[in-house]
Protein backbone atom coordinates (compact mmCIF):
# COMPACT_ATOMS: atom_id res chain seq x y z
CA MET A 1 -15.71 -17.08 30.89
CA ASN A 2 -13.34 -14.88 32.81
CA ILE A 3 -14.25 -15.13 36.50
CA GLY A 4 -12.75 -13.21 39.42
CA ILE A 5 -12.91 -14.63 42.94
CA ILE A 6 -12.23 -12.32 45.89
CA GLY A 7 -11.61 -14.62 48.83
CA ALA A 8 -9.53 -17.79 48.91
CA GLY A 9 -11.13 -19.61 51.83
CA HIS A 10 -13.09 -22.86 51.70
CA ILE A 11 -15.88 -21.71 49.37
CA GLY A 12 -13.62 -19.56 47.18
CA SER A 13 -11.15 -22.40 46.72
CA ALA A 14 -13.89 -24.97 46.03
CA LEU A 15 -15.40 -22.71 43.38
CA ALA A 16 -11.98 -22.10 41.84
CA VAL A 17 -11.30 -25.84 41.52
CA ARG A 18 -14.60 -26.50 39.79
CA LEU A 19 -14.55 -23.43 37.55
CA VAL A 20 -11.02 -24.14 36.34
CA ASP A 21 -12.01 -27.76 35.69
CA LEU A 22 -14.86 -26.45 33.54
CA GLY A 23 -12.43 -24.42 31.45
CA HIS A 24 -13.01 -20.94 32.82
CA SER A 25 -10.20 -18.45 33.34
CA VAL A 26 -10.12 -17.74 37.08
CA LEU A 27 -8.23 -15.09 39.02
CA ILE A 28 -8.31 -15.52 42.80
CA ALA A 29 -7.41 -12.94 45.44
CA ASN A 30 -7.17 -12.63 49.19
CA SER A 31 -6.47 -9.80 51.63
CA ARG A 32 -2.76 -10.63 52.01
CA GLY A 33 -1.64 -10.43 48.41
CA PRO A 34 -1.08 -12.85 45.51
CA GLU A 35 2.35 -13.87 46.79
CA THR A 36 0.59 -15.74 49.63
CA LEU A 37 -1.59 -17.80 47.27
CA THR A 38 1.01 -20.24 45.91
CA ASP A 39 -0.59 -23.26 47.59
CA VAL A 40 -4.08 -22.18 46.56
CA ALA A 41 -2.92 -21.82 42.96
CA LYS A 42 -1.42 -25.33 42.99
CA LYS A 43 -4.60 -26.81 44.44
CA THR A 44 -7.11 -24.97 42.26
CA GLY A 45 -5.34 -24.05 39.05
CA ALA A 46 -6.53 -20.45 39.46
CA THR A 47 -4.16 -17.53 38.94
CA PRO A 48 -3.24 -15.47 42.04
CA ALA A 49 -4.14 -11.79 41.76
CA THR A 50 -4.93 -8.68 43.75
CA ALA A 51 -8.55 -7.99 44.64
CA ARG A 52 -8.59 -5.12 42.16
CA GLU A 53 -7.29 -7.39 39.38
CA ALA A 54 -9.86 -10.06 40.19
CA ALA A 55 -12.66 -7.50 40.18
CA ARG A 56 -11.66 -6.37 36.71
CA HIS A 57 -11.09 -9.82 35.26
CA GLY A 58 -14.57 -11.13 35.51
CA GLU A 59 -17.60 -11.62 33.39
CA VAL A 60 -18.73 -12.82 36.82
CA ILE A 61 -17.20 -11.76 40.13
CA VAL A 62 -17.50 -13.76 43.35
CA VAL A 63 -17.04 -12.04 46.73
CA THR A 64 -16.52 -14.77 49.32
CA ILE A 65 -14.86 -13.26 52.38
CA PRO A 66 -15.86 -13.13 56.06
CA LEU A 67 -18.81 -10.79 56.49
CA LYS A 68 -16.96 -8.62 59.01
CA ASN A 69 -14.30 -7.87 56.36
CA ILE A 70 -16.72 -6.54 53.73
CA PRO A 71 -16.36 -2.91 54.94
CA ASP A 72 -12.56 -3.23 54.56
CA LEU A 73 -12.77 -3.70 50.79
CA ALA A 74 -11.61 -0.67 48.81
CA PRO A 75 -14.56 1.68 48.22
CA ASP A 76 -13.59 1.98 44.56
CA LEU A 77 -13.02 -1.76 44.07
CA PHE A 78 -15.62 -2.02 41.30
CA GLU A 79 -14.98 1.36 39.73
CA GLY A 80 -14.91 0.92 35.96
CA VAL A 81 -16.44 -2.57 36.13
CA SER A 82 -19.38 -2.81 33.75
CA ALA A 83 -22.78 -2.61 35.42
CA ASP A 84 -23.87 -5.83 33.70
CA VAL A 85 -21.19 -7.94 35.41
CA PRO A 86 -22.93 -10.05 38.09
CA ILE A 87 -21.40 -9.89 41.56
CA ILE A 88 -22.03 -13.02 43.62
CA ASP A 89 -22.13 -12.78 47.41
CA THR A 90 -21.67 -16.04 49.35
CA SER A 91 -21.57 -14.54 52.83
CA ASN A 92 -23.08 -15.77 56.08
CA TYR A 93 -23.27 -13.96 59.42
CA TYR A 94 -21.52 -15.79 62.27
CA PRO A 95 -21.67 -13.40 65.27
CA MET A 96 -20.33 -15.93 67.79
CA LEU A 97 -17.59 -17.64 65.80
CA ARG A 98 -16.21 -14.88 63.63
CA ASP A 99 -18.04 -11.65 62.84
CA GLY A 100 -19.03 -10.19 66.21
CA GLN A 101 -22.21 -8.17 66.59
CA ILE A 102 -23.36 -6.22 63.51
CA PRO A 103 -26.31 -4.12 64.75
CA GLU A 104 -27.96 -3.77 61.34
CA LEU A 105 -28.17 -7.56 61.09
CA GLN A 106 -29.23 -8.17 64.68
CA SER A 107 -32.53 -6.35 64.13
CA GLY A 108 -33.53 -8.54 61.20
CA ASP A 109 -34.51 -5.57 59.02
CA LEU A 110 -31.71 -6.26 56.55
CA THR A 111 -30.67 -9.60 55.11
CA GLU A 112 -26.98 -10.38 55.09
CA SER A 113 -26.67 -9.76 51.37
CA GLU A 114 -28.63 -6.50 51.50
CA TRP A 115 -26.02 -5.33 54.00
CA VAL A 116 -23.23 -6.49 51.69
CA GLN A 117 -24.87 -4.77 48.74
CA GLN A 118 -25.01 -1.48 50.66
CA HIS A 119 -21.29 -1.67 51.41
CA LEU A 120 -20.24 -2.69 47.90
CA GLY A 121 -22.44 -0.09 46.25
CA ARG A 122 -23.33 -2.61 43.54
CA PRO A 123 -26.21 -5.09 43.13
CA VAL A 124 -25.31 -8.59 44.29
CA VAL A 125 -26.71 -12.08 43.72
CA LYS A 126 -26.69 -14.39 46.74
CA VAL A 127 -25.79 -18.04 46.21
CA PHE A 128 -23.30 -20.72 47.40
CA ASN A 129 -23.87 -19.68 51.03
CA ASN A 130 -25.94 -22.68 52.14
CA ILE A 131 -23.79 -25.55 50.87
CA TYR A 132 -20.66 -27.03 52.43
CA ALA A 133 -17.48 -26.31 50.49
CA ASP A 134 -16.70 -30.03 50.14
CA HIS A 135 -20.15 -30.65 48.68
CA LEU A 136 -19.78 -27.69 46.33
CA GLU A 137 -16.51 -29.11 45.05
CA ASN A 138 -17.48 -32.77 44.86
CA LYS A 139 -21.24 -33.31 44.68
CA GLY A 140 -22.24 -31.59 41.45
CA GLN A 141 -24.12 -33.87 39.03
CA PRO A 142 -25.39 -33.65 35.44
CA ALA A 143 -28.76 -32.01 34.87
CA GLY A 144 -31.62 -34.49 35.24
CA THR A 145 -29.82 -36.70 37.76
CA PRO A 146 -32.36 -37.89 40.36
CA GLY A 147 -31.77 -36.18 43.72
CA ARG A 148 -29.49 -33.53 42.22
CA ILE A 149 -28.71 -30.91 44.88
CA SER A 150 -30.37 -27.55 44.35
CA LEU A 151 -29.10 -24.13 45.40
CA PRO A 152 -31.25 -21.06 46.12
CA VAL A 153 -30.36 -17.93 44.15
CA ALA A 154 -31.63 -14.51 45.27
CA GLY A 155 -31.21 -11.09 43.71
CA ASP A 156 -32.96 -8.00 42.39
CA ASP A 157 -31.43 -7.87 38.89
CA ALA A 158 -33.21 -10.41 36.68
CA ALA A 159 -30.46 -10.54 34.03
CA ALA A 160 -27.69 -11.02 36.59
CA LYS A 161 -29.67 -13.69 38.38
CA LYS A 162 -30.29 -15.55 35.13
CA GLN A 163 -26.57 -15.55 34.32
CA VAL A 164 -25.68 -16.79 37.80
CA MET A 165 -28.33 -19.52 37.69
CA LYS A 166 -26.82 -20.75 34.42
CA LEU A 167 -23.42 -20.95 36.13
CA VAL A 168 -24.93 -22.88 39.06
CA ASP A 169 -26.34 -25.42 36.60
CA GLU A 170 -22.97 -25.72 34.87
CA LEU A 171 -21.36 -26.47 38.23
CA GLY A 172 -23.72 -29.42 38.65
CA PHE A 173 -26.59 -28.07 40.75
CA ASP A 174 -30.21 -27.13 40.11
CA ALA A 175 -30.68 -23.38 40.53
CA VAL A 176 -33.88 -22.40 42.36
CA ASP A 177 -35.09 -18.80 42.29
CA ASP A 178 -35.28 -17.51 45.87
CA GLY A 179 -36.80 -14.18 44.90
CA THR A 180 -35.41 -10.78 45.76
CA LEU A 181 -32.41 -10.04 47.92
CA HIS A 182 -34.80 -9.01 50.69
CA GLU A 183 -36.23 -12.53 50.57
CA SER A 184 -32.81 -14.18 50.83
CA TRP A 185 -33.32 -14.64 54.60
CA ARG A 186 -34.92 -17.94 53.53
CA GLN A 187 -31.46 -19.36 52.72
CA GLN A 188 -29.52 -17.91 55.64
CA PRO A 189 -28.09 -19.92 58.57
CA GLY A 190 -30.72 -21.26 60.93
CA THR A 191 -33.27 -21.96 58.21
CA PRO A 192 -34.15 -25.54 57.19
CA SER A 193 -32.50 -25.18 53.77
CA TYR A 194 -29.12 -24.26 55.24
CA GLY A 195 -26.70 -27.14 54.58
CA ALA A 196 -29.60 -29.47 53.76
CA ASP A 197 -28.70 -30.32 50.12
CA LEU A 198 -32.36 -30.42 49.11
CA PRO A 199 -33.49 -31.43 45.61
CA ALA A 200 -35.22 -28.69 43.63
CA ASP A 201 -38.83 -29.75 44.28
CA LYS A 202 -38.27 -29.92 48.03
CA LEU A 203 -36.41 -26.60 48.09
CA ARG A 204 -39.16 -24.81 46.13
CA GLU A 205 -41.76 -26.30 48.48
CA HIS A 206 -39.81 -25.16 51.51
CA LEU A 207 -39.25 -21.62 50.24
CA ALA A 208 -42.93 -21.25 49.38
CA SER A 209 -43.93 -22.44 52.85
CA LEU A 210 -41.99 -19.59 54.48
CA GLY A 211 -43.72 -16.79 52.60
CA THR A 212 -41.86 -13.73 51.35
CA GLU A 213 -41.88 -11.33 54.32
CA ARG A 214 -40.07 -12.57 57.42
CA THR A 215 -42.25 -12.48 60.50
CA GLU A 216 -40.93 -11.73 63.97
CA ALA A 217 -41.67 -15.31 64.98
CA GLN A 218 -39.62 -16.62 62.04
CA ARG A 219 -36.77 -14.23 62.79
CA ALA A 220 -36.64 -15.35 66.42
CA LYS A 221 -36.90 -19.05 65.55
CA PHE A 222 -34.18 -19.00 62.91
CA ALA A 223 -31.91 -16.83 65.06
CA ALA A 224 -32.21 -19.39 67.87
CA ASN A 225 -31.48 -22.22 65.42
CA HIS A 226 -28.45 -20.34 64.14
CA ALA A 227 -27.12 -19.74 67.65
CA ALA A 228 -27.42 -23.46 68.38
CA GLN A 229 -25.65 -24.30 65.14
CA GLU A 230 -22.84 -21.87 65.94
CA GLN A 231 -22.42 -23.32 69.42
CA GLU A 232 -22.17 -26.82 67.98
CA MET A 233 -19.64 -25.65 65.39
CA LYS A 234 -17.65 -23.95 68.15
CA ASN A 235 -17.65 -27.13 70.20
CA GLN A 236 -16.36 -29.03 67.17
CA GLY A 237 -13.65 -26.45 66.47
CA ALA A 238 -15.10 -25.56 63.08
CA GLN A 239 -13.05 -23.35 60.77
CA LEU A 240 -14.98 -20.88 58.62
């Protein structure tokens, strides 16, 4: 396939490496221009491009940039892109380390990817947000391998979700349906599935145990967990 990746950080680069290895044609873009992506191109094999070029290259498009930078994307970025092209959102909200306070996300009414979807003006599918980049690049396994890592996939467009889940499987992970985008809070930072590398049966069990509508008690608990995780990452000098 032709795949466009907007964002050349840890997750974007890890995806580019794997997708190129699988034989896909990958364009990768960042906010500073293709001339700054020489090292990324050498590492991944992807072709440097502008964000607009990457958005128009894909049969699948991946948006993997810091959440706070989503509003800075060109409002017409996806103009002319077919409505049946899935747009993957990998974002996570890190208010302490990177993104600052985003009021719409502080209240818990919107999930991170619902907020992204509003800004992009296009339906998105959320995946690749709850796995470490190193694991994404190096821990994929053939289907049927015992203990194969599973990844939750959330979205409102059934056809787009199906196409993305097929890609997840090709990358070496079991794709587990996490319901609608409004239910994607179950895979956000602070939840037990975040960074846990669960096999599919355990992930399905966990998602089912949470229910579909986030309660205030769940919101408060997971927000506290996330704050603790961020503090630990800050203490360790984590780079996002």
